[in-house]
Amino acid sequence: MVDLTRRTMLAATAGACLMAADKEHLAWDFSFPAIEGGNLDFAAFKGRVLLVTNTASFCGYTYQYEGLQKLHAEKSPAGLTVIGIPSQDFNQESADNATVKTFCETRFDIDFPLSAISRVRGAMAAPFYAWVNVQRNWQPDWNFNKVLIGRDGRIAGTFRSGEEPDGALLSGAIGGELARTV
């Protein structure tokens, strides 16, 4: 039974890697399990600008949740959606989705979409992050790394943790993508 489970997991991983390696994919082709259950399907945001950020509750950058929420609230009417991807890849996230959700809502009043706890780097990375790595040779090197997706579903930029949600570089990139039409 263990062999069957292992083979099933390997087949699923191989399928995700093949999908991620296909350079014709757009961000709209990917989804994550949603933190509250169900599916967080990026196709639902087609035509919007996405700022996909891998997050953690116990990181020195956790304060960026406040800036991400402010950015989401201010720019959502113009077409921006911030999406948080909690990850335990750097050993700084809570053990379960319910705890992460409660933390985000009570401490930072987060109302932007959150995925379930997901892998964002390495061989077991979620297909979205595997795709970003294939497209840009980039993967998060810490919590609060950001991937900007343009209205066309293509990667418009990648940003490390030190780029604050209201930083000049990120703000300029977001503004440029919001100004574009599909």
N, C-alpha and C. Protein backbone atom coordinates (compact mmCIF):
# COMPACT_ATOMS: atom_id res chain seq x y z
N MET A 1 0.83 -1.20 0.00
CA MET A 1 0.00 0.00 0.00
C MET A 1 0.87 1.26 0.00
N VAL A 2 1.97 1.23 0.78
CA VAL A 2 2.87 2.38 0.81
C VAL A 2 3.46 2.63 -0.57
N ASP A 3 3.85 1.54 -1.28
CA ASP A 3 4.38 1.69 -2.63
C ASP A 3 3.38 2.34 -3.57
N LEU A 4 2.11 1.94 -3.47
CA LEU A 4 1.07 2.50 -4.31
C LEU A 4 0.90 4.00 -4.02
N THR A 5 0.89 4.36 -2.74
CA THR A 5 0.77 5.77 -2.36
C THR A 5 1.96 6.56 -2.90
N ARG A 6 3.16 6.00 -2.74
CA ARG A 6 4.36 6.68 -3.23
C ARG A 6 4.30 6.85 -4.74
N ARG A 7 3.90 5.80 -5.46
CA ARG A 7 3.81 5.89 -6.92
C ARG A 7 2.77 6.92 -7.35
N THR A 8 1.65 6.97 -6.65
CA THR A 8 0.61 7.96 -6.96
C THR A 8 1.14 9.38 -6.75
N MET A 9 1.85 9.59 -5.65
CA MET A 9 2.43 10.92 -5.38
C MET A 9 3.46 11.29 -6.43
N LEU A 10 4.31 10.34 -6.81
CA LEU A 10 5.32 10.61 -7.83
C LEU A 10 4.69 10.92 -9.17
N ALA A 11 3.64 10.21 -9.53
CA ALA A 11 2.94 10.47 -10.79
C ALA A 11 2.30 11.85 -10.78
N ALA A 12 1.70 12.21 -9.66
CA ALA A 12 1.08 13.54 -9.54
C ALA A 12 2.14 14.63 -9.65
N THR A 13 3.28 14.42 -8.99
CA THR A 13 4.37 15.39 -9.04
C THR A 13 4.92 15.50 -10.46
N ALA A 14 5.11 14.38 -11.13
CA ALA A 14 5.61 14.40 -12.50
C ALA A 14 4.64 15.14 -13.41
N GLY A 15 3.34 14.91 -13.22
CA GLY A 15 2.34 15.62 -14.03
C GLY A 15 2.38 17.11 -13.79
N ALA A 16 2.54 17.51 -12.54
CA ALA A 16 2.63 18.93 -12.21
C ALA A 16 3.87 19.54 -12.83
N CYS A 17 4.99 18.80 -12.80
CA CYS A 17 6.23 19.31 -13.39
C CYS A 17 6.11 19.46 -14.90
N LEU A 18 5.47 18.49 -15.57
CA LEU A 18 5.28 18.61 -17.00
C LEU A 18 4.41 19.81 -17.33
N MET A 19 3.35 20.02 -16.56
CA MET A 19 2.49 21.18 -16.79
C MET A 19 3.26 22.47 -16.57
N ALA A 20 4.06 22.51 -15.51
CA ALA A 20 4.83 23.71 -15.19
C ALA A 20 5.88 23.99 -16.26
N ALA A 21 6.42 22.95 -16.86
CA ALA A 21 7.48 23.13 -17.85
C ALA A 21 6.94 23.65 -19.18
N ASP A 22 5.65 23.52 -19.42
CA ASP A 22 5.04 23.98 -20.66
C ASP A 22 5.02 25.50 -20.64
N LYS A 23 5.80 26.12 -21.50
CA LYS A 23 5.94 27.57 -21.50
C LYS A 23 4.71 28.30 -22.03
N GLU A 24 3.73 27.57 -22.53
CA GLU A 24 2.54 28.21 -23.05
C GLU A 24 1.50 28.51 -21.97
N HIS A 25 1.72 28.02 -20.78
CA HIS A 25 0.75 28.26 -19.71
C HIS A 25 0.76 29.71 -19.27
N LEU A 26 -0.38 30.14 -18.76
CA LEU A 26 -0.52 31.45 -18.14
C LEU A 26 -0.91 31.23 -16.68
N ALA A 27 -0.83 32.26 -15.88
CA ALA A 27 -1.17 32.13 -14.46
C ALA A 27 -2.59 31.62 -14.27
N TRP A 28 -3.47 31.92 -15.21
CA TRP A 28 -4.88 31.53 -15.09
C TRP A 28 -5.06 30.01 -15.12
N ASP A 29 -4.02 29.29 -15.52
CA ASP A 29 -4.09 27.83 -15.60
C ASP A 29 -3.84 27.14 -14.26
N PHE A 30 -3.54 27.91 -13.22
CA PHE A 30 -3.13 27.31 -11.95
C PHE A 30 -4.15 27.57 -10.84
N SER A 31 -4.08 26.74 -9.84
CA SER A 31 -4.93 26.92 -8.66
C SER A 31 -4.19 26.37 -7.44
N PHE A 32 -4.69 26.74 -6.31
CA PHE A 32 -4.21 26.25 -5.01
C PHE A 32 -5.43 25.80 -4.22
N PRO A 33 -5.24 24.91 -3.27
CA PRO A 33 -6.33 24.68 -2.32
C PRO A 33 -6.54 25.98 -1.54
N ALA A 34 -7.77 26.38 -1.31
CA ALA A 34 -8.07 27.60 -0.55
C ALA A 34 -7.95 27.31 0.95
N ILE A 35 -7.60 28.32 1.71
CA ILE A 35 -7.38 28.14 3.14
C ILE A 35 -8.65 27.72 3.87
N GLU A 36 -9.80 28.14 3.37
CA GLU A 36 -11.07 27.79 4.03
C GLU A 36 -11.71 26.55 3.42
N GLY A 37 -10.97 25.88 2.54
CA GLY A 37 -11.49 24.71 1.84
C GLY A 37 -11.87 25.09 0.42
N GLY A 38 -12.05 24.12 -0.40
CA GLY A 38 -12.37 24.39 -1.80
C GLY A 38 -11.11 24.72 -2.58
N ASN A 39 -11.30 25.48 -3.64
CA ASN A 39 -10.21 25.75 -4.56
C ASN A 39 -10.04 27.25 -4.77
N LEU A 40 -8.80 27.70 -4.82
CA LEU A 40 -8.46 29.08 -5.15
C LEU A 40 -7.95 29.06 -6.59
N ASP A 41 -8.87 29.23 -7.52
CA ASP A 41 -8.60 29.08 -8.94
C ASP A 41 -8.21 30.44 -9.54
N PHE A 42 -6.99 30.54 -10.03
CA PHE A 42 -6.53 31.81 -10.59
C PHE A 42 -7.33 32.23 -11.81
N ALA A 43 -7.99 31.30 -12.49
CA ALA A 43 -8.82 31.66 -13.64
C ALA A 43 -9.94 32.63 -13.24
N ALA A 44 -10.35 32.59 -11.98
CA ALA A 44 -11.39 33.50 -11.50
C ALA A 44 -10.92 34.96 -11.51
N PHE A 45 -9.62 35.17 -11.62
CA PHE A 45 -9.05 36.53 -11.59
C PHE A 45 -8.56 36.98 -12.96
N LYS A 46 -8.94 36.25 -13.99
CA LYS A 46 -8.49 36.55 -15.35
C LYS A 46 -8.79 38.01 -15.69
N GLY A 47 -7.77 38.70 -16.21
CA GLY A 47 -7.91 40.10 -16.57
C GLY A 47 -7.52 41.06 -15.46
N ARG A 48 -7.29 40.54 -14.26
CA ARG A 48 -6.83 41.37 -13.14
C ARG A 48 -5.31 41.24 -13.02
N VAL A 49 -4.71 42.15 -12.30
CA VAL A 49 -3.29 42.07 -11.95
C VAL A 49 -3.22 41.35 -10.61
N LEU A 50 -2.33 40.36 -10.50
CA LEU A 50 -2.19 39.61 -9.26
C LEU A 50 -0.83 39.87 -8.64
N LEU A 51 -0.81 40.00 -7.32
CA LEU A 51 0.44 40.03 -6.57
C LEU A 51 0.40 38.81 -5.66
N VAL A 52 1.11 37.77 -6.06
CA VAL A 52 1.12 36.49 -5.35
C VAL A 52 2.32 36.49 -4.41
N THR A 53 2.05 36.36 -3.11
CA THR A 53 3.10 36.49 -2.10
C THR A 53 3.12 35.27 -1.21
N ASN A 54 4.29 34.63 -1.07
CA ASN A 54 4.40 33.53 -0.11
C ASN A 54 4.59 34.14 1.29
N THR A 55 3.79 33.66 2.22
CA THR A 55 3.70 34.31 3.54
C THR A 55 4.03 33.33 4.66
N ALA A 56 4.22 33.90 5.85
CA ALA A 56 4.46 33.10 7.06
C ALA A 56 4.08 33.94 8.27
N SER A 57 3.57 33.29 9.29
CA SER A 57 3.08 33.99 10.48
C SER A 57 4.17 34.38 11.47
N PHE A 58 5.33 33.74 11.41
CA PHE A 58 6.36 33.96 12.43
C PHE A 58 7.69 34.38 11.81
N CYS A 59 7.64 35.31 10.91
CA CYS A 59 8.81 35.77 10.16
C CYS A 59 9.06 37.24 10.49
N GLY A 60 10.28 37.66 10.34
CA GLY A 60 10.59 39.08 10.53
C GLY A 60 9.87 39.97 9.53
N TYR A 61 9.40 39.41 8.43
CA TYR A 61 8.66 40.18 7.43
C TYR A 61 7.14 40.05 7.57
N THR A 62 6.66 39.38 8.60
CA THR A 62 5.22 39.18 8.77
C THR A 62 4.47 40.51 8.81
N TYR A 63 5.13 41.56 9.30
CA TYR A 63 4.49 42.89 9.32
C TYR A 63 4.03 43.32 7.93
N GLN A 64 4.60 42.74 6.87
CA GLN A 64 4.20 43.12 5.51
C GLN A 64 2.75 42.76 5.20
N TYR A 65 2.15 41.88 5.99
CA TYR A 65 0.72 41.62 5.82
C TYR A 65 -0.07 42.93 5.85
N GLU A 66 0.31 43.83 6.75
CA GLU A 66 -0.40 45.11 6.86
C GLU A 66 -0.32 45.89 5.55
N GLY A 67 0.88 45.98 4.97
CA GLY A 67 1.05 46.69 3.70
C GLY A 67 0.36 45.99 2.54
N LEU A 68 0.37 44.67 2.56
CA LEU A 68 -0.32 43.92 1.50
C LEU A 68 -1.83 44.14 1.57
N GLN A 69 -2.38 44.15 2.79
CA GLN A 69 -3.81 44.39 2.94
C GLN A 69 -4.17 45.81 2.48
N LYS A 70 -3.34 46.78 2.84
CA LYS A 70 -3.58 48.17 2.43
C LYS A 70 -3.52 48.29 0.90
N LEU A 71 -2.52 47.65 0.30
CA LEU A 71 -2.37 47.65 -1.15
C LEU A 71 -3.60 47.03 -1.81
N HIS A 72 -4.04 45.90 -1.29
CA HIS A 72 -5.21 45.21 -1.83
C HIS A 72 -6.45 46.09 -1.74
N ALA A 73 -6.66 46.72 -0.58
CA ALA A 73 -7.84 47.56 -0.38
C ALA A 73 -7.82 48.78 -1.31
N GLU A 74 -6.66 49.40 -1.45
CA GLU A 74 -6.56 50.62 -2.25
C GLU A 74 -6.59 50.37 -3.75
N LYS A 75 -5.98 49.28 -4.19
CA LYS A 75 -5.83 49.05 -5.63
C LYS A 75 -6.81 48.03 -6.21
N SER A 76 -7.58 47.38 -5.38
CA SER A 76 -8.54 46.39 -5.88
C SER A 76 -9.54 47.01 -6.86
N PRO A 77 -10.08 48.19 -6.57
CA PRO A 77 -11.01 48.78 -7.54
C PRO A 77 -10.38 49.04 -8.92
N ALA A 78 -9.06 49.24 -8.94
CA ALA A 78 -8.37 49.48 -10.21
C ALA A 78 -7.99 48.17 -10.92
N GLY A 79 -8.15 47.03 -10.22
CA GLY A 79 -7.89 45.76 -10.87
C GLY A 79 -6.80 44.90 -10.25
N LEU A 80 -6.32 45.23 -9.04
CA LEU A 80 -5.29 44.42 -8.38
C LEU A 80 -5.91 43.47 -7.37
N THR A 81 -5.44 42.24 -7.35
CA THR A 81 -5.79 41.29 -6.30
C THR A 81 -4.50 40.77 -5.69
N VAL A 82 -4.37 40.92 -4.39
CA VAL A 82 -3.26 40.33 -3.66
C VAL A 82 -3.69 38.91 -3.27
N ILE A 83 -2.81 37.96 -3.41
CA ILE A 83 -3.08 36.58 -3.02
C ILE A 83 -1.94 36.11 -2.12
N GLY A 84 -2.28 35.64 -0.93
CA GLY A 84 -1.29 35.13 0.00
C GLY A 84 -1.19 33.62 -0.09
N ILE A 85 0.05 33.12 -0.11
CA ILE A 85 0.31 31.68 -0.16
C ILE A 85 1.12 31.32 1.10
N PRO A 86 0.44 30.99 2.19
CA PRO A 86 1.17 30.58 3.40
C PRO A 86 2.03 29.36 3.09
N SER A 87 3.25 29.38 3.59
CA SER A 87 4.17 28.28 3.33
C SER A 87 5.01 27.96 4.56
N GLN A 88 5.27 26.70 4.73
CA GLN A 88 6.12 26.22 5.82
C GLN A 88 7.53 25.92 5.30
N ASP A 89 7.83 26.30 4.06
CA ASP A 89 9.12 25.98 3.46
C ASP A 89 10.30 26.55 4.24
N PHE A 90 10.09 27.60 4.99
CA PHE A 90 11.17 28.22 5.76
C PHE A 90 10.95 28.06 7.27
N ASN A 91 10.05 27.12 7.61
CA ASN A 91 9.81 26.74 9.02
C ASN A 91 9.35 27.90 9.90
N GLN A 92 8.50 28.77 9.34
CA GLN A 92 8.02 29.91 10.11
C GLN A 92 6.51 30.10 9.98
N GLU A 93 5.80 29.02 9.69
CA GLU A 93 4.35 29.09 9.57
C GLU A 93 3.71 28.17 10.60
N SER A 94 2.47 28.48 10.95
CA SER A 94 1.70 27.64 11.87
C SER A 94 1.50 26.26 11.25
N ALA A 95 1.09 25.34 12.08
CA ALA A 95 0.98 23.94 11.66
C ALA A 95 -0.29 23.65 10.86
N ASP A 96 -1.31 24.49 10.97
CA ASP A 96 -2.56 24.16 10.27
C ASP A 96 -3.22 25.41 9.69
N ASN A 97 -4.06 25.19 8.69
CA ASN A 97 -4.72 26.27 7.96
C ASN A 97 -5.63 27.12 8.85
N ALA A 98 -6.37 26.49 9.75
CA ALA A 98 -7.29 27.24 10.60
C ALA A 98 -6.55 28.26 11.46
N THR A 99 -5.39 27.88 11.98
CA THR A 99 -4.60 28.79 12.81
C THR A 99 -4.07 29.95 11.97
N VAL A 100 -3.60 29.65 10.76
CA VAL A 100 -3.10 30.71 9.86
C VAL A 100 -4.23 31.68 9.53
N LYS A 101 -5.38 31.16 9.17
CA LYS A 101 -6.53 32.00 8.80
C LYS A 101 -6.93 32.91 9.95
N THR A 102 -7.04 32.35 11.15
CA THR A 102 -7.40 33.15 12.33
C THR A 102 -6.35 34.22 12.60
N PHE A 103 -5.08 33.87 12.52
CA PHE A 103 -4.00 34.82 12.73
C PHE A 103 -4.11 35.99 11.75
N CYS A 104 -4.27 35.68 10.46
CA CYS A 104 -4.33 36.73 9.43
C CYS A 104 -5.55 37.64 9.62
N GLU A 105 -6.68 37.05 9.95
CA GLU A 105 -7.90 37.85 10.10
C GLU A 105 -7.88 38.69 11.38
N THR A 106 -7.41 38.12 12.48
CA THR A 106 -7.47 38.86 13.75
C THR A 106 -6.32 39.83 13.93
N ARG A 107 -5.15 39.47 13.45
CA ARG A 107 -3.99 40.34 13.66
C ARG A 107 -3.86 41.42 12.60
N PHE A 108 -4.23 41.10 11.34
CA PHE A 108 -4.02 42.04 10.24
C PHE A 108 -5.29 42.36 9.46
N ASP A 109 -6.42 41.82 9.86
CA ASP A 109 -7.70 42.08 9.19
C ASP A 109 -7.63 41.77 7.69
N ILE A 110 -6.95 40.67 7.37
CA ILE A 110 -6.75 40.27 5.97
C ILE A 110 -8.07 39.84 5.35
N ASP A 111 -8.38 40.41 4.19
CA ASP A 111 -9.56 39.95 3.45
C ASP A 111 -9.21 39.57 2.01
N PHE A 112 -7.92 39.59 1.67
CA PHE A 112 -7.54 39.10 0.35
C PHE A 112 -7.47 37.58 0.38
N PRO A 113 -7.55 36.94 -0.78
CA PRO A 113 -7.56 35.47 -0.81
C PRO A 113 -6.26 34.86 -0.27
N LEU A 114 -6.42 33.77 0.46
CA LEU A 114 -5.30 33.00 0.99
C LEU A 114 -5.44 31.54 0.55
N SER A 115 -4.33 30.95 0.19
CA SER A 115 -4.34 29.53 -0.11
C SER A 115 -4.15 28.75 1.18
N ALA A 116 -4.34 27.46 1.09
CA ALA A 116 -3.93 26.58 2.17
C ALA A 116 -2.40 26.59 2.22
N ILE A 117 -1.83 26.12 3.30
CA ILE A 117 -0.37 26.05 3.42
C ILE A 117 0.16 25.22 2.24
N SER A 118 1.12 25.79 1.51
CA SER A 118 1.60 25.19 0.27
C SER A 118 3.12 25.26 0.16
N ARG A 119 3.67 24.40 -0.66
CA ARG A 119 5.10 24.43 -0.97
C ARG A 119 5.34 25.46 -2.07
N VAL A 120 6.41 26.25 -1.94
CA VAL A 120 6.68 27.30 -2.92
C VAL A 120 8.04 27.18 -3.59
N ARG A 121 8.82 26.17 -3.18
CA ARG A 121 10.14 26.02 -3.76
C ARG A 121 10.54 24.54 -3.78
N GLY A 122 11.53 24.25 -4.61
CA GLY A 122 12.07 22.90 -4.66
C GLY A 122 11.24 21.96 -5.51
N ALA A 123 11.58 20.69 -5.41
CA ALA A 123 10.96 19.65 -6.25
C ALA A 123 9.48 19.47 -5.97
N MET A 124 9.02 19.81 -4.78
CA MET A 124 7.61 19.62 -4.42
C MET A 124 6.82 20.94 -4.48
N ALA A 125 7.37 21.96 -5.11
CA ALA A 125 6.68 23.24 -5.21
C ALA A 125 5.34 23.08 -5.91
N ALA A 126 4.37 23.88 -5.49
CA ALA A 126 3.08 23.91 -6.16
C ALA A 126 3.30 24.23 -7.64
N PRO A 127 2.44 23.70 -8.52
CA PRO A 127 2.63 23.92 -9.95
C PRO A 127 2.81 25.38 -10.37
N PHE A 128 2.12 26.32 -9.72
CA PHE A 128 2.31 27.74 -10.05
C PHE A 128 3.76 28.15 -9.85
N TYR A 129 4.32 27.79 -8.69
CA TYR A 129 5.70 28.17 -8.39
C TYR A 129 6.71 27.41 -9.26
N ALA A 130 6.40 26.17 -9.63
CA ALA A 130 7.26 25.43 -10.56
C ALA A 130 7.26 26.14 -11.92
N TRP A 131 6.10 26.62 -12.34
CA TRP A 131 5.98 27.37 -13.60
C TRP A 131 6.79 28.65 -13.55
N VAL A 132 6.68 29.40 -12.45
CA VAL A 132 7.46 30.63 -12.30
C VAL A 132 8.95 30.31 -12.40
N ASN A 133 9.37 29.22 -11.75
CA ASN A 133 10.78 28.84 -11.79
C ASN A 133 11.23 28.51 -13.21
N VAL A 134 10.41 27.80 -13.96
CA VAL A 134 10.75 27.47 -15.34
C VAL A 134 10.79 28.75 -16.19
N GLN A 135 9.82 29.61 -16.01
CA GLN A 135 9.72 30.83 -16.81
C GLN A 135 10.84 31.83 -16.51
N ARG A 136 11.17 31.99 -15.23
CA ARG A 136 12.08 33.05 -14.80
C ARG A 136 13.35 32.57 -14.11
N ASN A 137 13.50 31.25 -13.95
CA ASN A 137 14.62 30.72 -13.18
C ASN A 137 14.66 31.41 -11.81
N TRP A 138 13.51 31.45 -11.17
CA TRP A 138 13.34 32.17 -9.91
C TRP A 138 12.43 31.36 -9.00
N GLN A 139 12.79 31.31 -7.75
CA GLN A 139 11.91 30.74 -6.74
C GLN A 139 12.11 31.54 -5.46
N PRO A 140 11.11 31.56 -4.58
CA PRO A 140 11.27 32.30 -3.33
C PRO A 140 12.49 31.80 -2.55
N ASP A 141 13.27 32.76 -2.06
CA ASP A 141 14.40 32.40 -1.22
C ASP A 141 14.13 32.69 0.25
N TRP A 142 12.94 33.21 0.52
CA TRP A 142 12.51 33.48 1.89
C TRP A 142 11.02 33.80 1.83
N ASN A 143 10.43 34.05 2.99
CA ASN A 143 9.03 34.44 3.07
C ASN A 143 8.83 35.84 2.50
N PHE A 144 7.64 36.12 2.06
CA PHE A 144 7.21 37.41 1.54
C PHE A 144 7.94 37.81 0.25
N ASN A 145 8.32 36.80 -0.55
CA ASN A 145 8.74 37.06 -1.92
C ASN A 145 7.45 37.24 -2.73
N LYS A 146 7.53 38.01 -3.79
CA LYS A 146 6.32 38.38 -4.52
C LYS A 146 6.47 38.10 -6.01
N VAL A 147 5.38 37.63 -6.62
CA VAL A 147 5.31 37.42 -8.07
C VAL A 147 4.17 38.30 -8.58
N LEU A 148 4.50 39.19 -9.50
CA LEU A 148 3.50 40.07 -10.10
C LEU A 148 3.05 39.46 -11.42
N ILE A 149 1.76 39.27 -11.55
CA ILE A 149 1.16 38.72 -12.77
C ILE A 149 0.37 39.84 -13.45
N GLY A 150 0.65 40.04 -14.73
CA GLY A 150 -0.05 41.06 -15.49
C GLY A 150 -1.45 40.64 -15.88
N ARG A 151 -2.21 41.58 -16.40
CA ARG A 151 -3.59 41.30 -16.82
C ARG A 151 -3.65 40.20 -17.88
N ASP A 152 -2.54 39.99 -18.59
CA ASP A 152 -2.49 38.97 -19.63
C ASP A 152 -2.14 37.59 -19.10
N GLY A 153 -1.93 37.47 -17.79
CA GLY A 153 -1.62 36.18 -17.18
C GLY A 153 -0.16 35.80 -17.20
N ARG A 154 0.68 36.70 -17.71
CA ARG A 154 2.12 36.44 -17.76
C ARG A 154 2.82 37.07 -16.55
N ILE A 155 3.98 36.56 -16.25
CA ILE A 155 4.77 37.08 -15.13
C ILE A 155 5.31 38.45 -15.52
N ALA A 156 4.97 39.45 -14.73
CA ALA A 156 5.42 40.82 -14.99
C ALA A 156 6.63 41.19 -14.13
N GLY A 157 6.89 40.43 -13.09
CA GLY A 157 8.04 40.71 -12.25
C GLY A 157 8.09 39.81 -11.04
N THR A 158 9.27 39.67 -10.48
CA THR A 158 9.47 38.93 -9.25
C THR A 158 10.24 39.82 -8.29
N PHE A 159 9.91 39.72 -7.02
CA PHE A 159 10.47 40.62 -6.02
C PHE A 159 10.80 39.85 -4.75
N ARG A 160 11.91 40.15 -4.15
CA ARG A 160 12.35 39.50 -2.92
C ARG A 160 11.68 40.14 -1.71
N SER A 161 11.89 39.56 -0.56
CA SER A 161 11.25 39.98 0.69
C SER A 161 11.48 41.45 1.01
N GLY A 162 12.67 41.95 0.72
CA GLY A 162 13.01 43.32 1.08
C GLY A 162 12.23 44.38 0.31
N GLU A 163 11.59 43.98 -0.77
CA GLU A 163 10.77 44.94 -1.52
C GLU A 163 9.42 45.06 -0.82
N GLU A 164 9.25 46.17 -0.14
CA GLU A 164 8.04 46.41 0.66
C GLU A 164 6.81 46.57 -0.25
N PRO A 165 5.63 46.23 0.26
CA PRO A 165 4.41 46.39 -0.54
C PRO A 165 4.21 47.82 -1.06
N ASP A 166 4.71 48.81 -0.35
CA ASP A 166 4.59 50.20 -0.82
C ASP A 166 5.91 50.75 -1.35
N GLY A 167 6.88 49.86 -1.61
CA GLY A 167 8.18 50.28 -2.13
C GLY A 167 8.07 50.82 -3.55
N ALA A 168 9.02 51.67 -3.91
CA ALA A 168 8.99 52.34 -5.21
C ALA A 168 9.03 51.36 -6.38
N LEU A 169 9.88 50.36 -6.30
CA LEU A 169 10.01 49.40 -7.40
C LEU A 169 8.72 48.62 -7.61
N LEU A 170 8.17 48.08 -6.54
CA LEU A 170 6.93 47.30 -6.64
C LEU A 170 5.76 48.19 -7.03
N SER A 171 5.67 49.35 -6.41
CA SER A 171 4.57 50.29 -6.74
C SER A 171 4.59 50.67 -8.21
N GLY A 172 5.79 50.94 -8.74
CA GLY A 172 5.90 51.29 -10.16
C GLY A 172 5.49 50.14 -11.07
N ALA A 173 5.92 48.94 -10.71
CA ALA A 173 5.57 47.77 -11.52
C ALA A 173 4.06 47.50 -11.49
N ILE A 174 3.47 47.61 -10.32
CA ILE A 174 2.01 47.41 -10.20
C ILE A 174 1.27 48.48 -10.99
N GLY A 175 1.69 49.73 -10.84
CA GLY A 175 1.05 50.82 -11.58
C GLY A 175 1.13 50.61 -13.08
N GLY A 176 2.28 50.16 -13.56
CA GLY A 176 2.44 49.89 -14.99
C GLY A 176 1.52 48.80 -15.47
N GLU A 177 1.37 47.74 -14.68
CA GLU A 177 0.49 46.63 -15.07
C GLU A 177 -0.98 47.03 -14.99
N LEU A 178 -1.34 47.83 -14.00
CA LEU A 178 -2.73 48.29 -13.91
C LEU A 178 -3.10 49.18 -15.08
N ALA A 179 -2.13 49.91 -15.62
CA ALA A 179 -2.38 50.80 -16.74
C ALA A 179 -2.54 50.06 -18.07
N ARG A 180 -2.05 48.84 -18.13
CA ARG A 180 -2.14 48.04 -19.36
C ARG A 180 -3.56 47.52 -19.57
N THR A 181 -3.88 47.33 -20.84
CA THR A 181 -5.13 46.66 -21.18
C THR A 181 -4.79 45.33 -21.82
N VAL A 182 -5.70 44.40 -21.73
CA VAL A 182 -5.44 43.07 -22.31
C VAL A 182 -5.78 43.07 -23.77
